[in-house]
Amino acid sequence: MAASKQKNKLPYRLWTRTEDSLIGKFSDRELARLLRRSVAAVQVRRIGLGMRKYRLKINPWERWEEKVLGTGTDREIGKRLGRTGACVAARRRLLKIPKWDKYVPWNGWKSGEDRLLGRMTDGEVSRRTGRSLYGVRGRRHLLGVKSPATYRPFTRAEDRLLGTDYDSAIGQKLGRHWQTVAQRRRGLGIPAFGQWSSQRKFKLRRSS
């Protein structure tokens, strides 16, 4: 019985100077994994040498690093700054910087443009900034700003006008943004103005 216990017992391995130099620079668990020793063995050795437990060094954020937040995904920014994606995401949330969206770039909008969101309709913001209506809506949703306008449904009379003229002209008649008119027209399956004749000719050819 005693002989079997001696066979199963691992032989004692002396510590080298290189191994001792690593103590305190990694956590006990990480160092045990690197040196292929038990965590208890590393702890005993560290305490025997009178060394303190490893503590994660705090890497303060620089101003130029904070300016980069939100210009790409957290993982991409982390690779550029030498930080983890989780660390970048935590800092971004702390500074209340919206998450990057490839369809609505964070750097594309100025602070003055952002202040217009929610104070006027998306169509008015689109006209003032020269941005598309979908871009304005996407930016507003990204920042969590509510729309000041209430939804105005299309009437049957308005639907009859769709496709009878250019979307911009119909929009001016109805007091709506031309992209809103185009979206409604496409939703009803109505061709754009100028496409009626070509589609009718195509249907006549197929029917004949």
Protein backbone atom coordinates (compact mmCIF):
# COMPACT_ATOMS: atom_id res chain seq x y z
CA MET A 1 0.00 0.00 0.00
CA ALA A 2 2.79 2.43 0.92
CA ALA A 3 4.69 1.46 -2.21
CA SER A 4 1.69 2.31 -4.44
CA LYS A 5 1.34 5.73 -2.83
CA GLN A 6 5.00 6.48 -3.53
CA LYS A 7 4.58 5.49 -7.18
CA ASN A 8 1.55 7.79 -7.65
CA LYS A 9 3.25 10.73 -5.96
CA LEU A 10 4.68 13.24 -8.45
CA PRO A 11 8.41 13.93 -8.11
CA TYR A 12 9.34 17.29 -6.65
CA ARG A 13 10.55 19.78 -9.27
CA LEU A 14 12.91 22.53 -8.18
CA TRP A 15 12.12 26.10 -9.06
CA THR A 16 14.42 27.85 -11.53
CA ARG A 17 15.47 31.49 -11.51
CA THR A 18 13.41 32.12 -14.65
CA GLU A 19 10.30 30.72 -12.98
CA ASP A 20 10.91 32.78 -9.84
CA SER A 21 11.20 35.94 -11.95
CA LEU A 22 7.66 35.36 -13.26
CA ILE A 23 6.06 35.20 -9.83
CA GLY A 24 3.97 38.29 -9.11
CA LYS A 25 3.79 39.23 -12.79
CA PHE A 26 0.87 36.87 -13.46
CA SER A 27 -1.99 35.59 -11.38
CA ASP A 28 -1.25 32.38 -9.50
CA ARG A 29 -3.68 30.46 -11.66
CA GLU A 30 -2.27 31.81 -14.93
CA LEU A 31 1.32 31.19 -13.86
CA ALA A 32 0.45 27.65 -12.78
CA ARG A 33 -0.94 27.01 -16.24
CA LEU A 34 2.14 28.45 -17.95
CA LEU A 35 4.62 26.51 -15.80
CA ARG A 36 2.50 23.35 -15.60
CA ARG A 37 2.47 23.43 -11.83
CA SER A 38 -0.39 23.33 -9.37
CA VAL A 39 -1.94 26.58 -8.16
CA ALA A 40 -1.10 25.59 -4.58
CA ALA A 41 2.57 25.12 -5.52
CA VAL A 42 2.72 28.60 -7.04
CA GLN A 43 1.02 30.15 -4.01
CA VAL A 44 3.41 28.42 -1.59
CA ARG A 45 6.41 29.54 -3.61
CA ARG A 46 5.18 33.12 -3.80
CA ILE A 47 4.48 33.32 -0.07
CA GLY A 48 7.86 31.70 0.65
CA LEU A 49 9.61 34.42 -1.34
CA GLY A 50 7.62 37.11 0.46
CA MET A 51 6.02 38.41 -2.74
CA ARG A 52 2.60 40.01 -2.99
CA LYS A 53 -0.28 38.65 -5.01
CA TYR A 54 -0.50 39.82 -8.60
CA ARG A 55 -2.79 42.78 -9.15
CA LEU A 56 -4.11 43.91 -12.50
CA LYS A 57 -2.50 47.17 -13.54
CA ILE A 58 -4.95 49.96 -14.31
CA ASN A 59 -4.41 51.49 -17.74
CA PRO A 60 -5.96 54.98 -17.65
CA TRP A 61 -7.76 56.25 -20.72
CA GLU A 62 -6.26 59.06 -22.78
CA ARG A 63 -8.39 61.76 -24.40
CA TRP A 64 -7.39 60.73 -27.91
CA GLU A 65 -8.52 57.18 -27.14
CA GLU A 66 -11.94 58.37 -26.01
CA LYS A 67 -12.37 60.32 -29.25
CA VAL A 68 -12.01 57.06 -31.18
CA LEU A 69 -14.87 55.38 -29.31
CA GLY A 70 -17.95 54.83 -31.43
CA THR A 71 -16.09 55.19 -34.75
CA GLY A 72 -16.03 51.41 -35.22
CA THR A 73 -17.06 48.22 -33.50
CA ASP A 74 -15.86 47.76 -29.93
CA ARG A 75 -13.72 44.82 -31.03
CA GLU A 76 -12.05 46.80 -33.83
CA ILE A 77 -11.36 49.76 -31.55
CA GLY A 78 -9.98 47.39 -28.92
CA LYS A 79 -7.46 45.96 -31.39
CA ARG A 80 -6.33 49.45 -32.37
CA LEU A 81 -5.92 50.57 -28.74
CA GLY A 82 -4.58 47.32 -27.35
CA ARG A 83 -7.63 46.82 -25.13
CA THR A 84 -10.34 44.20 -24.96
CA GLY A 85 -13.67 44.73 -26.70
CA ALA A 86 -15.47 44.49 -23.35
CA CYS A 87 -13.24 47.22 -21.90
CA VAL A 88 -13.96 49.49 -24.87
CA ALA A 89 -17.71 48.83 -24.64
CA ALA A 90 -17.74 49.64 -20.91
CA ARG A 91 -15.90 52.93 -21.45
CA ARG A 92 -18.17 53.86 -24.38
CA ARG A 93 -21.31 53.27 -22.29
CA LEU A 94 -19.85 55.27 -19.41
CA LEU A 95 -19.34 58.25 -21.74
CA LYS A 96 -22.83 57.67 -23.25
CA ILE A 97 -21.43 57.26 -26.76
CA PRO A 98 -23.80 55.37 -29.08
CA LYS A 99 -22.77 52.04 -30.53
CA TRP A 100 -21.26 52.24 -33.99
CA ASP A 101 -23.59 51.52 -36.87
CA LYS A 102 -22.15 51.02 -40.37
CA TYR A 103 -25.34 52.46 -41.87
CA VAL A 104 -25.28 55.56 -39.67
CA PRO A 105 -21.63 56.52 -39.06
CA TRP A 106 -20.99 58.30 -35.74
CA ASN A 107 -18.44 60.69 -37.26
CA GLY A 108 -20.82 61.66 -40.05
CA TRP A 109 -23.03 63.79 -37.81
CA LYS A 110 -22.10 67.09 -36.19
CA SER A 111 -23.31 68.12 -32.75
CA GLY A 112 -25.38 70.92 -34.28
CA GLU A 113 -27.17 68.44 -36.52
CA ASP A 114 -27.87 66.10 -33.62
CA ARG A 115 -29.54 68.94 -31.74
CA LEU A 116 -32.10 69.28 -34.53
CA LEU A 117 -33.35 65.73 -34.00
CA GLY A 118 -36.63 65.64 -32.09
CA ARG A 119 -37.12 69.40 -32.33
CA MET A 120 -38.52 69.23 -35.85
CA THR A 121 -39.83 66.59 -38.19
CA ASP A 122 -37.45 64.17 -39.86
CA GLY A 123 -38.38 65.68 -43.22
CA GLU A 124 -37.41 69.16 -42.08
CA VAL A 125 -34.11 67.89 -40.63
CA SER A 126 -33.48 66.12 -43.93
CA ARG A 127 -34.02 69.33 -45.89
CA ARG A 128 -31.83 71.42 -43.59
CA THR A 129 -28.92 68.97 -43.36
CA GLY A 130 -29.09 67.63 -46.90
CA ARG A 131 -29.28 64.07 -45.57
CA SER A 132 -31.69 61.38 -46.66
CA LEU A 133 -34.88 60.86 -44.70
CA TYR A 134 -33.82 57.28 -43.90
CA GLY A 135 -30.48 58.55 -42.60
CA VAL A 136 -32.22 61.05 -40.33
CA ARG A 137 -34.61 58.41 -39.00
CA GLY A 138 -31.76 55.97 -38.44
CA ARG A 139 -29.72 58.57 -36.54
CA ARG A 140 -32.71 59.55 -34.40
CA HIS A 141 -33.46 55.91 -33.53
CA LEU A 142 -29.78 55.31 -32.76
CA LEU A 143 -29.72 58.18 -30.25
CA GLY A 144 -33.09 57.19 -28.79
CA VAL A 145 -34.76 60.52 -29.68
CA LYS A 146 -38.52 60.47 -30.09
CA SER A 147 -40.12 61.95 -33.17
CA PRO A 148 -42.06 65.20 -32.54
CA ALA A 149 -44.48 64.45 -35.38
CA THR A 150 -47.45 62.15 -35.16
CA TYR A 151 -48.00 59.66 -37.96
CA ARG A 152 -50.42 60.94 -40.60
CA PRO A 153 -51.95 58.06 -42.55
CA PHE A 154 -52.48 58.33 -46.28
CA THR A 155 -56.03 58.91 -47.44
CA ARG A 156 -57.61 57.22 -50.46
CA ALA A 157 -57.49 60.50 -52.37
CA GLU A 158 -53.75 60.79 -51.70
CA ASP A 159 -53.18 57.18 -52.77
CA ARG A 160 -54.85 57.91 -56.12
CA LEU A 161 -52.26 60.61 -56.83
CA LEU A 162 -49.31 58.26 -56.32
CA GLY A 163 -47.51 57.52 -59.58
CA THR A 164 -49.36 60.25 -61.52
CA ASP A 165 -46.39 62.61 -61.17
CA TYR A 166 -42.87 62.61 -59.78
CA ASP A 167 -42.62 61.75 -56.07
CA SER A 168 -41.16 65.18 -55.33
CA ALA A 169 -44.09 66.91 -57.02
CA ILE A 170 -46.63 64.71 -55.22
CA GLY A 171 -44.83 65.41 -51.96
CA GLN A 172 -45.17 69.16 -52.46
CA LYS A 173 -48.88 68.83 -53.20
CA LEU A 174 -49.53 66.67 -50.14
CA GLY A 175 -47.11 68.42 -47.78
CA ARG A 176 -45.08 65.24 -47.34
CA HIS A 177 -41.44 64.34 -47.88
CA TRP A 178 -40.80 62.85 -51.30
CA GLN A 179 -39.17 59.76 -49.75
CA THR A 180 -42.30 59.19 -47.66
CA VAL A 181 -44.33 59.37 -50.87
CA ALA A 182 -41.95 56.97 -52.62
CA GLN A 183 -42.10 54.52 -49.74
CA ARG A 184 -45.91 54.55 -49.76
CA ARG A 185 -46.00 54.14 -53.55
CA ARG A 186 -43.63 51.17 -53.52
CA GLY A 187 -45.60 49.62 -50.67
CA LEU A 188 -48.75 49.70 -52.82
CA GLY A 189 -46.87 48.31 -55.81
CA ILE A 190 -47.40 51.45 -57.89
CA PRO A 191 -44.68 52.12 -60.49
CA ALA A 192 -42.89 55.45 -60.47
CA PHE A 193 -44.04 58.20 -62.78
CA GLY A 194 -42.77 57.55 -66.31
CA GLN A 195 -42.75 53.78 -65.88
CA TRP A 196 -46.45 53.29 -66.58
CA SER A 197 -46.07 53.30 -70.36
CA SER A 198 -43.10 50.93 -70.40
CA GLN A 199 -44.82 48.44 -68.06
CA ARG A 200 -48.08 48.61 -70.02
CA LYS A 201 -46.23 47.92 -73.28
CA PHE A 202 -44.47 44.96 -71.63
CA LYS A 203 -47.80 43.55 -70.38
CA LEU A 204 -49.41 43.99 -73.82
CA ARG A 205 -46.54 42.16 -75.48
CA ARG A 206 -46.81 39.26 -73.05
CA SER A 207 -50.59 39.07 -73.42
CA SER A 208 -50.33 39.07 -77.23
